[in-house]
Protein backbone atom coordinates (compact mmCIF):
# COMPACT_ATOMS: atom_id res chain seq x y z
CA ALA A 1 0.00 0.00 0.00
CA GLY A 2 2.90 2.35 0.72
CA LEU A 3 4.36 1.88 -2.75
CA VAL A 4 0.95 2.17 -4.43
CA THR A 5 0.57 5.53 -2.69
CA LEU A 6 4.04 6.80 -3.62
CA LYS A 7 3.38 5.87 -7.25
CA ARG A 8 0.00 7.59 -7.19
CA LEU A 9 1.68 10.72 -5.83
CA GLY A 10 4.25 10.55 -8.62
CA ILE A 11 7.29 10.46 -6.35
CA ALA A 12 10.36 9.22 -8.23
CA ILE A 13 11.70 6.05 -6.59
CA GLU A 14 15.11 4.53 -7.19
CA LYS A 15 15.14 1.54 -4.87
CA VAL A 16 12.75 -0.33 -2.54
CA ILE A 17 14.05 -2.59 0.24
CA HIS A 18 11.26 -4.97 1.17
CA ILE A 19 10.99 -6.68 4.59
CA GLU A 20 8.06 -9.07 4.89
CA ILE A 21 7.70 -12.46 6.59
CA ASP A 22 4.58 -13.49 4.66
CA PRO A 23 5.45 -14.95 1.23
CA VAL A 24 1.86 -14.40 0.06
CA CYS A 25 2.13 -10.66 0.73
CA THR A 26 5.48 -10.57 -1.04
CA HIS A 27 3.91 -12.37 -4.00
CA VAL A 28 1.07 -9.83 -4.19
CA PHE A 29 3.61 -7.00 -4.07
CA ARG A 30 5.85 -8.44 -6.77
CA HIS A 31 2.94 -9.45 -8.99
CA ASN A 32 1.87 -5.80 -9.14
CA HIS A 33 5.22 -3.98 -9.27
CA ASP A 34 8.19 -6.13 -10.27
CA CYS A 35 8.58 -6.80 -14.01
CA THR A 36 11.26 -9.43 -13.32
CA TYR A 37 8.59 -11.40 -11.45
CA ASN A 38 5.54 -10.61 -13.58
CA THR A 39 6.67 -10.24 -17.18
CA ASP A 40 3.33 -8.69 -18.16
CA LEU A 41 4.35 -5.51 -16.31
CA GLN A 42 6.26 -2.60 -17.76
CA ASP A 43 9.61 -1.79 -16.19
CA ASP A 44 8.99 0.96 -13.63
CA GLY A 45 12.71 1.70 -13.26
CA ILE A 46 12.78 0.69 -9.60
CA THR A 47 15.31 -1.74 -8.14
CA TYR A 48 13.58 -4.16 -5.76
CA ILE A 49 15.48 -5.91 -2.96
CA TYR A 50 13.71 -8.71 -1.08
CA ASP A 51 16.14 -11.16 0.48
CA ALA A 52 18.76 -8.92 2.09
CA TYR A 53 16.84 -8.86 5.39
CA PRO A 54 14.23 -11.64 5.63
CA ARG A 55 13.02 -10.48 9.05
CA PHE A 56 12.88 -7.17 10.89
CA GLU A 57 15.33 -8.47 13.47
CA ASP A 58 17.92 -8.98 10.72
CA ILE A 59 17.94 -5.34 9.70
CA GLU A 60 17.42 -4.07 13.25
CA ALA A 61 20.67 -5.71 14.37
CA ASN A 62 22.70 -4.50 11.39
CA VAL A 63 21.93 -0.80 11.01
CA PRO A 64 25.53 0.35 10.27
CA ALA A 65 25.95 -2.22 7.48
CA PHE A 66 22.46 -1.46 6.18
CA VAL A 67 23.17 2.27 5.91
CA GLU A 68 26.62 1.69 4.42
CA THR A 69 25.21 -0.68 1.77
CA TYR A 70 21.92 1.01 0.88
CA GLY A 71 22.03 4.51 2.37
CA PRO A 72 21.13 7.23 2.36
CA ILE A 73 17.55 6.13 2.96
CA ASP A 74 14.90 8.75 2.17
CA ILE A 75 11.60 7.21 3.32
CA ILE A 76 10.70 4.39 5.72
CA ILE A 77 7.08 3.16 5.76
CA GLY A 78 5.83 0.34 7.94
CA GLY A 79 2.93 -1.20 9.81
CA PRO A 80 4.18 -3.44 12.64
CA PRO A 81 1.87 -6.17 14.03
CA CYS A 82 -1.24 -4.94 15.86
CA GLN A 83 -2.31 -8.05 17.80
CA ASP A 84 -1.14 -6.70 21.15
CA TYR A 85 -3.03 -3.40 20.72
CA THR A 86 -6.32 -4.35 19.10
CA PRO A 87 -9.31 -4.40 21.49
CA VAL A 88 -10.64 -7.58 19.86
CA ASN A 89 -7.72 -9.48 21.44
CA ALA A 90 -8.63 -10.20 25.05
CA PHE A 91 -5.04 -11.26 25.76
CA ARG A 92 -3.32 -8.16 24.35
CA GLU A 93 -0.18 -7.11 26.21
CA GLY A 94 0.65 -3.77 24.59
CA VAL A 95 4.32 -2.85 24.22
CA GLN A 96 5.27 -5.77 26.49
CA GLY A 97 3.77 -8.36 24.17
CA HIS A 98 5.65 -10.51 21.67
CA GLN A 99 3.95 -8.71 18.76
CA GLY A 100 3.51 -5.38 20.53
CA LYS A 101 7.25 -4.83 20.96
CA TYR A 102 7.69 -4.40 17.21
CA LEU A 103 6.07 -0.95 17.12
CA PRO A 104 8.42 0.77 19.62
CA ASN A 105 11.33 -1.22 18.22
CA PHE A 106 10.43 0.09 14.77
CA GLY A 107 10.65 3.63 16.12
CA LYS A 108 14.04 2.93 17.69
CA PHE A 109 15.24 1.40 14.43
CA ILE A 110 14.26 4.53 12.50
CA GLN A 111 16.09 6.74 14.98
CA ASN A 112 19.15 4.49 14.70
CA VAL A 113 19.09 4.80 10.91
CA GLN A 114 18.80 8.59 11.21
CA ARG A 115 21.69 8.69 13.66
CA ARG A 116 23.88 6.47 11.52
CA GLN A 117 23.18 8.48 8.38
CA ARG A 118 24.12 11.70 10.17
CA GLN A 119 27.36 10.10 11.33
CA ALA A 120 28.14 8.94 7.80
CA GLU A 121 27.50 12.42 6.41
CA GLU A 122 29.69 14.01 9.10
CA GLU A 123 32.49 11.58 8.26
CA ASN A 124 32.15 12.41 4.57
CA GLN A 125 32.15 16.10 5.41
CA ASP A 126 35.36 15.72 7.44
CA ASN A 127 37.00 13.89 4.55
CA ASP A 128 35.93 16.63 2.14
CA GLU A 129 37.33 19.31 4.45
CA ASP A 130 40.65 17.51 4.54
CA ASP A 131 40.74 17.78 0.76
CA ASP A 132 39.59 21.40 0.70
CA ASP A 133 40.06 23.44 3.88
CA GLU A 134 38.21 26.39 2.37
CA GLU A 135 34.91 24.55 1.91
CA ASP A 136 31.92 26.41 3.30
CA GLU A 137 30.26 24.28 5.97
CA ASP A 138 26.90 25.85 5.16
CA GLU A 139 26.96 24.08 1.80
CA VAL A 140 26.83 20.69 3.49
CA THR A 141 23.25 19.63 4.14
CA THR A 142 21.91 16.62 5.98
CA ASN A 143 19.91 14.16 3.88
CA PRO A 144 16.45 14.06 5.50
CA LEU A 145 14.86 10.74 6.42
CA PHE A 146 11.07 10.76 6.44
CA PHE A 147 9.01 8.03 8.06
CA LEU A 148 5.41 6.93 8.43
CA ALA A 149 4.29 4.17 10.80
CA GLU A 150 0.77 2.82 11.25
CA ASN A 151 -1.10 0.68 13.75
CA VAL A 152 -4.56 0.25 15.22
CA GLU A 153 -5.85 2.83 17.65
CA ILE A 154 -3.71 2.50 20.79
CA LYS A 155 -5.80 3.29 23.84
CA LYS A 156 -3.50 2.58 26.75
CA LEU A 157 -1.72 5.81 27.73
CA ASP A 158 1.38 4.03 29.04
CA ASP A 159 1.79 2.28 25.69
CA ILE A 160 1.35 5.54 23.78
CA GLU A 161 4.05 7.25 25.86
CA VAL A 162 6.55 4.45 25.19
CA ILE A 163 5.77 4.40 21.47
CA GLN A 164 5.93 8.18 21.05
CA GLU A 165 9.28 8.26 22.83
CA SER A 166 10.64 5.57 20.51
CA PHE A 167 9.67 7.57 17.40
CA GLY A 168 10.51 10.95 18.87
CA TYR A 169 7.19 12.35 17.61
CA PRO A 170 3.60 12.30 18.89
CA GLY A 171 1.07 10.01 17.28
CA PHE A 172 -2.30 11.01 15.86
CA LEU A 173 -5.51 9.28 14.81
CA VAL A 174 -7.02 9.26 11.32
CA ASP A 175 -10.14 7.38 10.27
CA ALA A 176 -10.48 6.22 6.67
CA GLN A 177 -14.20 7.04 6.76
CA ASP A 178 -13.19 10.69 6.26
CA PHE A 179 -11.63 9.80 2.90
CA SER A 180 -13.36 6.65 1.66
CA PRO A 181 -16.45 4.42 1.97
CA CYS A 182 -15.07 2.36 4.89
CA ARG A 183 -14.07 2.93 8.46
CA ARG A 184 -10.49 2.29 9.50
CA LYS A 185 -9.37 4.30 12.53
CA ARG A 186 -5.63 4.05 12.87
CA HIS A 187 -2.75 5.54 14.85
CA PHE A 188 -0.02 7.14 12.73
CA PHE A 189 3.44 8.37 13.58
CA CYS A 190 5.47 10.56 11.22
CA ASN A 191 8.09 13.33 11.22
CA PHE A 192 6.68 15.72 8.62
CA PRO A 193 3.76 18.17 8.63
CA VAL A 194 0.36 16.69 7.88
CA SER A 195 -2.47 18.62 6.27
CA SER A 196 -5.72 18.96 8.17
CA VAL A 197 -8.41 16.39 7.46
CA SER A 198 -11.51 17.54 5.59
CA THR A 199 -14.28 15.07 6.40
CA ASP A 200 -16.23 13.76 3.42
CA ASP A 201 -19.43 12.11 4.63
CA LYS A 202 -20.80 11.75 1.11
CA ILE A 203 -18.62 8.81 0.04
CA PHE A 204 -20.61 5.60 0.42
CA PRO A 205 -19.88 1.89 -0.24
CA SER A 206 -22.63 1.70 -2.87
CA SER A 207 -20.15 2.96 -5.49
CA CYS A 208 -17.92 -0.05 -4.81
CA LEU A 209 -20.49 -2.85 -4.48
CA GLU A 210 -21.49 -5.34 -7.17
CA GLU A 211 -24.63 -4.45 -9.08
CA GLY A 212 -27.78 -5.11 -7.08
CA TRP A 213 -26.04 -5.18 -3.70
CA SER A 214 -26.27 -2.43 -1.10
CA MET A 215 -25.57 -1.63 2.53
CA PRO A 216 -28.26 -2.71 5.02
CA THR A 217 -28.81 0.94 5.97
CA ASP A 218 -29.74 1.72 2.35
CA CYS A 219 -32.76 -0.55 2.76
CA PHE A 220 -34.38 1.82 5.27
CA ASP A 221 -37.30 3.94 4.24
CA SER A 222 -35.96 7.17 2.75
CA ASN A 223 -37.99 9.06 5.37
CA HIS A 224 -36.21 7.27 8.23
CA ASP A 225 -34.00 9.83 9.96
CA LEU A 226 -31.06 8.43 11.88
CA ASP A 227 -29.84 11.89 12.89
CA ASP A 228 -32.44 11.88 15.65
CA ASN A 229 -31.42 8.44 16.87
CA ASP A 230 -29.18 9.11 19.85
CA GLY A 231 -27.08 11.56 17.87
CA VAL A 232 -26.02 8.98 15.28
CA ASN A 233 -25.12 10.53 11.95
CA GLU A 234 -26.81 8.57 9.17
CA GLU A 235 -24.09 9.27 6.62
CA ASN A 236 -21.31 7.93 8.85
CA TRP A 237 -23.47 4.95 9.83
CA ARG A 238 -23.69 4.01 6.16
CA LYS A 239 -19.94 3.50 5.93
CA ALA A 240 -18.56 -0.05 5.73
CA ASN A 241 -16.99 -1.35 8.92
CA THR A 242 -13.26 -1.91 9.32
CA PHE A 243 -12.01 -4.92 7.38
CA MET A 244 -10.39 -7.47 9.68
CA ALA A 245 -7.64 -9.99 8.94
CA SER A 246 -8.27 -12.91 11.26
CA LEU A 247 -9.95 -16.10 10.06
CA SER A 248 -12.85 -15.64 12.48
CA ARG A 249 -13.43 -11.92 11.85
CA LYS A 250 -12.80 -11.39 8.14
CA ASP A 251 -16.41 -12.26 7.22
CA ASP A 252 -18.26 -11.86 10.50
CA ILE A 253 -21.88 -10.84 10.33
CA PRO A 254 -23.30 -8.26 10.78
CA ARG A 255 -20.05 -6.28 10.54
CA MET A 256 -19.30 -7.31 6.93
CA LEU A 257 -22.91 -7.55 5.83
CA ARG A 258 -24.26 -6.48 2.45
CA VAL A 259 -27.75 -7.23 1.14
CA ARG A 260 -29.74 -7.31 -2.06
CA ALA A 261 -33.46 -7.26 -2.63
CA ILE A 262 -35.01 -10.17 -4.55
CA MET A 263 -38.64 -10.10 -5.65
CA ASN A 264 -40.44 -13.45 -5.81
CA ASP A 265 -43.21 -14.53 -8.19
CA LYS A 266 -45.85 -13.11 -5.88
CA GLY A 267 -44.31 -9.65 -5.96
CA LYS A 268 -42.98 -9.86 -2.42
CA THR A 269 -39.45 -8.73 -1.60
CA ARG A 270 -36.99 -10.74 0.42
CA TYR A 271 -33.41 -9.83 1.22
CA GLU A 272 -30.38 -12.00 0.52
CA GLU A 273 -27.40 -11.59 2.82
CA GLY A 274 -23.75 -11.77 1.88
CA THR A 275 -20.36 -10.39 2.91
CA PHE A 276 -18.12 -7.99 1.03
CA THR A 277 -16.16 -9.64 -1.78
CA VAL A 278 -12.43 -9.25 -2.25
CA GLU A 279 -12.99 -6.92 -5.20
CA GLU A 280 -15.33 -4.71 -3.17
CA ARG A 281 -12.80 -4.43 -0.35
CA GLU A 282 -10.04 -3.56 -2.83
CA LYS A 283 -12.15 -0.73 -4.21
CA MET A 284 -13.11 0.66 -0.79
CA LEU A 285 -9.49 0.64 0.35
CA GLY A 286 -8.43 2.45 -2.83
CA PHE A 287 -6.41 -0.28 -4.57
CA PRO A 288 -6.28 -0.75 -8.34
CA LYS A 289 -8.85 -3.20 -9.67
CA GLY A 290 -7.82 -6.81 -9.03
CA TYR A 291 -4.66 -5.81 -7.12
CA VAL A 292 -4.90 -8.66 -4.60
CA ILE A 293 -7.32 -11.17 -6.09
CA ASP A 294 -5.54 -11.37 -9.48
CA ALA A 295 -2.27 -12.08 -7.69
CA MET A 296 -3.97 -14.80 -5.63
CA GLU A 297 -5.42 -16.37 -8.78
CA THR A 298 -1.94 -16.60 -10.29
CA LEU A 299 -0.44 -18.02 -7.10
CA HIS A 300 -3.10 -20.71 -6.66
CA LYS A 301 -2.78 -21.75 -10.29
CA GLU A 302 0.94 -22.40 -9.78
CA LEU A 303 0.39 -24.17 -6.46
CA ARG A 304 -2.19 -26.48 -8.00
CA GLU A 305 0.12 -27.40 -10.88
CA VAL A 306 2.83 -28.44 -8.43
CA LEU A 307 1.10 -29.74 -5.32
CA PHE A 308 -1.36 -32.06 -7.01
CA VAL A 309 1.38 -34.23 -8.54
CA VAL A 310 2.61 -35.48 -5.15
CA SER A 311 1.05 -37.02 -2.10
CA LYS A 312 -0.04 -35.12 0.99
CA ASP A 313 2.63 -36.95 3.05
CA GLN A 314 5.39 -35.72 0.75
CA ILE A 315 4.22 -32.13 1.05
CA GLN A 316 4.22 -32.31 4.85
CA THR A 317 7.52 -34.12 5.28
CA GLU A 318 9.80 -32.96 2.48
CA ASP A 319 11.51 -29.65 1.89
CA TYR A 320 9.60 -29.38 -1.33
CA THR A 321 11.75 -28.12 -4.22
CA LYS A 322 9.62 -28.60 -7.33
CA PHE A 323 8.33 -25.04 -7.36
CA SER A 324 9.78 -22.79 -10.02
CA ASN A 325 12.35 -20.31 -8.80
CA LYS A 326 9.62 -17.68 -8.96
CA TYR A 327 7.68 -19.41 -6.17
CA GLU A 328 10.54 -20.97 -4.23
CA ALA A 329 9.45 -19.05 -1.10
CA PHE A 330 6.57 -21.55 -0.86
CA SER A 331 8.80 -24.62 -0.93
CA GLY A 332 8.16 -26.60 2.23
CA GLY A 333 5.11 -24.40 2.79
CA ASN A 334 2.25 -25.11 5.17
CA PHE A 335 -0.69 -26.35 3.09
CA ARG A 336 -3.99 -28.12 3.68
CA PHE A 337 -6.60 -29.39 1.26
CA LYS A 338 -10.38 -29.20 1.28
CA VAL A 339 -12.83 -31.02 -0.97
CA LYS A 340 -15.15 -28.50 -2.59
CA GLY A 341 -17.72 -30.15 -4.82
CA TYR A 342 -15.77 -32.06 -7.44
CA ASP A 343 -12.64 -30.04 -6.83
CA ILE A 344 -9.89 -29.94 -4.22
CA GLU A 345 -9.09 -26.54 -2.76
CA ILE A 346 -5.68 -25.48 -1.46
CA LEU A 347 -5.53 -23.75 1.93
CA ILE A 348 -2.41 -21.75 2.77
CA GLY A 349 -1.29 -21.31 6.37
CA GLU A 350 -0.34 -17.86 7.59
CA PRO A 351 3.18 -17.39 9.04
CA GLN A 352 3.28 -18.60 12.64
CA GLU A 353 4.63 -15.79 14.81
CA SER A 354 3.36 -17.00 18.18
CA LYS A 355 2.18 -20.13 19.96
CA LYS A 356 -1.38 -19.73 18.72
CA ALA A 357 -2.71 -22.21 16.19
CA VAL A 358 -2.00 -21.48 12.54
CA SER A 359 -4.97 -20.24 10.51
CA TYR A 360 -5.49 -21.64 7.02
CA PHE A 361 -7.13 -19.63 4.25
CA ASP A 362 -8.51 -20.46 0.84
CA LYS A 363 -7.78 -18.20 -2.13
CA GLU A 364 -10.39 -15.56 -1.39
CA GLY A 365 -9.91 -15.91 2.36
CA TYR A 366 -6.21 -15.13 2.13
CA ALA A 367 -6.94 -12.17 -0.12
CA LYS A 368 -9.30 -10.82 2.56
CA HIS A 369 -6.64 -11.56 5.19
CA VAL A 370 -4.11 -9.48 3.24
CA LEU A 371 -6.56 -6.60 2.83
CA GLY A 372 -7.44 -6.76 6.52
CA ASN A 373 -3.79 -6.03 7.32
CA THR A 374 -3.18 -3.21 4.85
CA PHE A 375 -3.39 0.59 4.80
CA SER A 376 -6.21 2.70 3.39
CA ILE A 377 -4.67 4.17 0.22
CA PRO A 378 -6.61 7.50 0.35
CA VAL A 379 -5.49 8.08 3.95
CA VAL A 380 -1.82 7.37 3.32
CA GLU A 381 -1.97 9.40 0.11
CA HIS A 382 -3.23 12.38 2.12
CA LEU A 383 -0.54 11.93 4.77
CA LEU A 384 2.36 11.50 2.33
CA SER A 385 1.27 14.25 -0.07
CA PRO A 386 3.59 16.90 1.48
CA LEU A 387 6.57 14.84 0.30
CA THR A 388 5.75 15.68 -3.32
CA ALA A 389 7.42 19.04 -2.64
CA VAL A 390 10.64 17.31 -1.61
CA PHE A 391 11.30 14.63 -4.21
CA LYS A 392 11.52 14.53 -7.98
CA GLU A 393 8.42 13.67 -9.98
CA LYS A 394 7.78 10.59 -12.09
CA ASN A 395 4.68 9.21 -13.76
CA TYR A 396 3.92 5.53 -13.16
CA ASP A 397 1.65 3.85 -15.69
CA GLY A 398 -1.49 2.38 -14.20
CA PHE A 399 -1.38 4.31 -10.92
CA ASP A 400 -3.10 7.51 -11.97
CA TYR A 401 -6.52 5.85 -11.69
CA ASP A 402 -9.55 7.43 -10.03
CA TYR A 403 -11.00 5.89 -6.91
CA GLU A 404 -14.23 4.04 -7.61
CA TRP A 405 -16.36 6.60 -5.75
CA GLN A 406 -14.86 9.43 -7.83
CA ASN A 407 -16.59 7.98 -10.88
CA GLU A 408 -20.00 7.97 -9.24
CA PRO A 409 -22.48 10.43 -10.78
């Protein structure tokens, strides 16, 4: 989502260093950006680096070497795990938790990178002065490092104090419902000025739903006034709820409910219930059409071609090596199979980062899982927009699209 936003803003990018433990997320990223991975893409001129630091701990422990090899770094964008902050987790432990520690550690990492880059620039300046004692020190400028970090709303004050200290800047809340058809209240931390938020209550999910489907609130009588109902604003109430990532919450009803009216032979109307599709969630979050689901289609096609030529025992016991180099990250992967009609469906296990049981997702389920963990593009675009005054411009084909609700009459 960070790179989608930077491309939409037209910020010229030379290199992206990618740190992600989930091979499915990396696949979605590469499928949409990397022409060496997806040959149907045009070359965007960006160098992509994936394997230098497989985990956050790898780069966290090697900041000097990281800066020396890849610096100076201009922008760092990240969304550390939220499990220890989200109110839906009854066992959350905040900054003390196994997942919760990543957010303050991310802030410390950014400060370490800033510190190391300043040191490197000072050393270069000293070397230059040795060569030319008459150099004007005012001509030497420090390369700025901008950052943006995101997480769920953090409600415990002690946690907020620790996190803000780690970043060196106060956090602030932004809700995606002010920019898009869906709610997504999130805490952000950054070190550059942010423009004020202009609430837009007139953006509704109807522009993003399949034909015939609507929000349950749209089924009320047009004369029904929610503004008088305990101060609830009807227009905000018509927004889609926050998309969740967990197996049990990604499609929970009534939170993810959509409906459509069906008239029977007797002229009576009944309502069919359903949950938001992957494509509808992509649109409401501001992604290009098919950004996640098309990548999942491609991945599952490759997995089927490979996995269905061996036995289940082989898959579970061998370090499987028959994947093409393109999908080698899934070798030895955690798979299950489910009979669906006359077909067999592949379920992919999420990366196991704690002692909790691994969740397995089908193709659409994993797509919803990915979208439940992502940023709202319109929000991040608003927050990062001041950086367009700092960096060179570049046009990226396919990323100058309008949001779905912008095309609504």
